[in-house]
Structures are given as C-alpha cells and as structure tokens.
Amino acid sequence: MRTRPIILTSGAVVIGSVIMLFDPIFQGLAISMIWGGVLSTVLTLVVVPLVYYIAEKKST
C-alpha cells in the first residue's frame, strides 16, 4: 500500500510550513499549506477508499 509515501509527503509539507508560521507575511500561506496537506492526506487515505467501497458494494 502507498500509505507511507503519502504520510511522509504530507509530513514534509507540514514541517516545512511550520517554519513559515513565525513570519507575519507568510503566516497565512503556511496555515493554508498545513491544512491543505492534512486534509488531502485524510481525503486520500480515508474518504476516497470509503466512497469507492460504498460504490462497489452498491453495484453488486
């Protein structure tokens, strides 16, 4: 499964964005990147497989 690369990529984005949180100019960008990384990981690992499972279960 591709769980480890997805989590590592998201973790790298979040950790890289934490550095920008202390700069008042880029703070909004950092918050957006952190939430985008976390939300995309949740969507990729939880929501998409769940929707696929429900659609397959309904069709059979």
N, C-alpha and C. Protein backbone atom coordinates (compact mmCIF):
# COMPACT_ATOMS: atom_id res chain seq x y z
N MET A 1 0.84 -1.19 0.00
CA MET A 1 0.00 0.00 0.00
C MET A 1 0.88 1.25 0.00
N ARG A 2 0.35 2.34 -0.42
CA ARG A 2 1.11 3.58 -0.56
C ARG A 2 0.87 4.54 0.60
N THR A 3 0.60 4.01 1.76
CA THR A 3 0.33 4.86 2.92
C THR A 3 1.57 5.62 3.37
N ARG A 4 2.70 4.95 3.44
CA ARG A 4 3.92 5.59 3.94
C ARG A 4 4.36 6.77 3.07
N PRO A 5 4.42 6.65 1.74
CA PRO A 5 4.82 7.82 0.95
C PRO A 5 3.85 8.99 1.07
N ILE A 6 2.57 8.70 1.18
CA ILE A 6 1.58 9.77 1.32
C ILE A 6 1.78 10.51 2.63
N ILE A 7 1.96 9.76 3.71
CA ILE A 7 2.14 10.38 5.02
C ILE A 7 3.47 11.13 5.08
N LEU A 8 4.52 10.57 4.50
CA LEU A 8 5.82 11.25 4.51
C LEU A 8 5.77 12.57 3.71
N THR A 9 5.09 12.55 2.59
CA THR A 9 4.98 13.77 1.79
C THR A 9 4.19 14.84 2.53
N SER A 10 3.08 14.44 3.12
CA SER A 10 2.28 15.39 3.89
C SER A 10 3.05 15.90 5.10
N GLY A 11 3.77 15.02 5.76
CA GLY A 11 4.58 15.44 6.90
C GLY A 11 5.65 16.43 6.52
N ALA A 12 6.26 16.24 5.36
CA ALA A 12 7.28 17.17 4.90
C ALA A 12 6.68 18.55 4.62
N VAL A 13 5.49 18.58 4.04
CA VAL A 13 4.82 19.86 3.78
C VAL A 13 4.48 20.56 5.09
N VAL A 14 3.95 19.79 6.03
CA VAL A 14 3.56 20.38 7.32
C VAL A 14 4.79 20.89 8.08
N ILE A 15 5.83 20.08 8.16
CA ILE A 15 7.03 20.51 8.88
C ILE A 15 7.69 21.71 8.20
N GLY A 16 7.71 21.70 6.88
CA GLY A 16 8.26 22.85 6.16
C GLY A 16 7.45 24.11 6.35
N SER A 17 6.15 23.95 6.50
CA SER A 17 5.28 25.12 6.68
C SER A 17 5.33 25.66 8.09
N VAL A 18 5.65 24.83 9.06
CA VAL A 18 5.73 25.30 10.44
C VAL A 18 6.79 26.38 10.57
N ILE A 19 7.84 26.30 9.80
CA ILE A 19 8.90 27.31 9.84
C ILE A 19 8.35 28.67 9.41
N MET A 20 7.43 28.66 8.46
CA MET A 20 6.88 29.92 7.96
C MET A 20 5.85 30.53 8.90
N LEU A 21 5.38 29.78 9.89
CA LEU A 21 4.36 30.31 10.80
C LEU A 21 4.86 31.51 11.60
N PHE A 22 6.16 31.64 11.78
CA PHE A 22 6.70 32.72 12.60
C PHE A 22 6.92 34.00 11.81
N ASP A 23 6.71 33.97 10.50
CA ASP A 23 6.85 35.16 9.67
C ASP A 23 5.46 35.75 9.44
N PRO A 24 5.22 36.99 9.86
CA PRO A 24 3.87 37.55 9.72
C PRO A 24 3.41 37.68 8.27
N ILE A 25 4.33 37.81 7.34
CA ILE A 25 3.94 37.98 5.94
C ILE A 25 3.46 36.65 5.36
N PHE A 26 4.14 35.56 5.67
CA PHE A 26 3.82 34.26 5.09
C PHE A 26 2.99 33.37 6.01
N GLN A 27 2.50 33.91 7.10
CA GLN A 27 1.76 33.09 8.06
C GLN A 27 0.47 32.52 7.45
N GLY A 28 -0.24 33.30 6.69
CA GLY A 28 -1.47 32.81 6.05
C GLY A 28 -1.19 31.69 5.06
N LEU A 29 -0.12 31.84 4.30
CA LEU A 29 0.28 30.80 3.36
C LEU A 29 0.63 29.52 4.09
N ALA A 30 1.35 29.65 5.21
CA ALA A 30 1.75 28.47 5.98
C ALA A 30 0.53 27.74 6.53
N ILE A 31 -0.43 28.48 7.04
CA ILE A 31 -1.65 27.86 7.57
C ILE A 31 -2.40 27.14 6.47
N SER A 32 -2.49 27.75 5.31
CA SER A 32 -3.17 27.12 4.18
C SER A 32 -2.47 25.85 3.74
N MET A 33 -1.13 25.89 3.71
CA MET A 33 -0.38 24.70 3.30
C MET A 33 -0.51 23.57 4.32
N ILE A 34 -0.50 23.91 5.60
CA ILE A 34 -0.64 22.88 6.63
C ILE A 34 -2.00 22.21 6.53
N TRP A 35 -3.06 23.00 6.49
CA TRP A 35 -4.40 22.41 6.40
C TRP A 35 -4.62 21.69 5.08
N GLY A 36 -4.04 22.20 4.00
CA GLY A 36 -4.15 21.52 2.72
C GLY A 36 -3.47 20.17 2.73
N GLY A 37 -2.29 20.10 3.34
CA GLY A 37 -1.58 18.82 3.44
C GLY A 37 -2.32 17.82 4.29
N VAL A 38 -2.83 18.27 5.43
CA VAL A 38 -3.56 17.37 6.33
C VAL A 38 -4.86 16.91 5.68
N LEU A 39 -5.59 17.83 5.11
CA LEU A 39 -6.88 17.48 4.51
C LEU A 39 -6.73 16.58 3.29
N SER A 40 -5.74 16.85 2.47
CA SER A 40 -5.54 16.00 1.29
C SER A 40 -5.12 14.59 1.70
N THR A 41 -4.36 14.47 2.78
CA THR A 41 -3.98 13.15 3.27
C THR A 41 -5.19 12.38 3.77
N VAL A 42 -6.04 13.06 4.52
CA VAL A 42 -7.26 12.41 5.02
C VAL A 42 -8.16 12.00 3.86
N LEU A 43 -8.31 12.87 2.88
CA LEU A 43 -9.13 12.53 1.72
C LEU A 43 -8.56 11.34 0.96
N THR A 44 -7.25 11.32 0.78
CA THR A 44 -6.62 10.26 0.01
C THR A 44 -6.68 8.92 0.73
N LEU A 45 -6.46 8.93 2.04
CA LEU A 45 -6.35 7.68 2.77
C LEU A 45 -7.67 7.17 3.34
N VAL A 46 -8.65 8.05 3.53
CA VAL A 46 -9.90 7.64 4.17
C VAL A 46 -11.11 7.80 3.26
N VAL A 47 -11.34 9.01 2.77
CA VAL A 47 -12.59 9.31 2.08
C VAL A 47 -12.68 8.62 0.72
N VAL A 48 -11.64 8.72 -0.08
CA VAL A 48 -11.68 8.13 -1.42
C VAL A 48 -11.85 6.60 -1.37
N PRO A 49 -11.09 5.87 -0.54
CA PRO A 49 -11.33 4.43 -0.46
C PRO A 49 -12.72 4.09 0.08
N LEU A 50 -13.22 4.89 1.01
CA LEU A 50 -14.56 4.64 1.56
C LEU A 50 -15.64 4.84 0.51
N VAL A 51 -15.54 5.90 -0.26
CA VAL A 51 -16.51 6.14 -1.33
C VAL A 51 -16.43 5.04 -2.39
N TYR A 52 -15.23 4.62 -2.73
CA TYR A 52 -15.05 3.54 -3.69
C TYR A 52 -15.67 2.24 -3.17
N TYR A 53 -15.45 1.95 -1.89
CA TYR A 53 -16.01 0.75 -1.29
C TYR A 53 -17.54 0.78 -1.30
N ILE A 54 -18.11 1.92 -0.95
CA ILE A 54 -19.58 2.04 -0.94
C ILE A 54 -20.13 1.91 -2.35
N ALA A 55 -19.47 2.51 -3.34
CA ALA A 55 -19.93 2.40 -4.73
C ALA A 55 -19.85 0.98 -5.24
N GLU A 56 -18.79 0.27 -4.91
CA GLU A 56 -18.65 -1.13 -5.33
C GLU A 56 -19.67 -2.02 -4.63
N LYS A 57 -19.92 -1.76 -3.37
CA LYS A 57 -20.88 -2.55 -2.62
C LYS A 57 -22.29 -2.37 -3.15
N LYS A 58 -22.60 -1.14 -3.58
CA LYS A 58 -23.93 -0.85 -4.12
C LYS A 58 -24.15 -1.50 -5.48
N SER A 59 -23.09 -1.59 -6.28
CA SER A 59 -23.24 -2.11 -7.64
C SER A 59 -23.39 -3.62 -7.67
N THR A 60 -22.99 -4.32 -6.62
CA THR A 60 -23.12 -5.78 -6.63
C THR A 60 -24.31 -6.26 -5.87
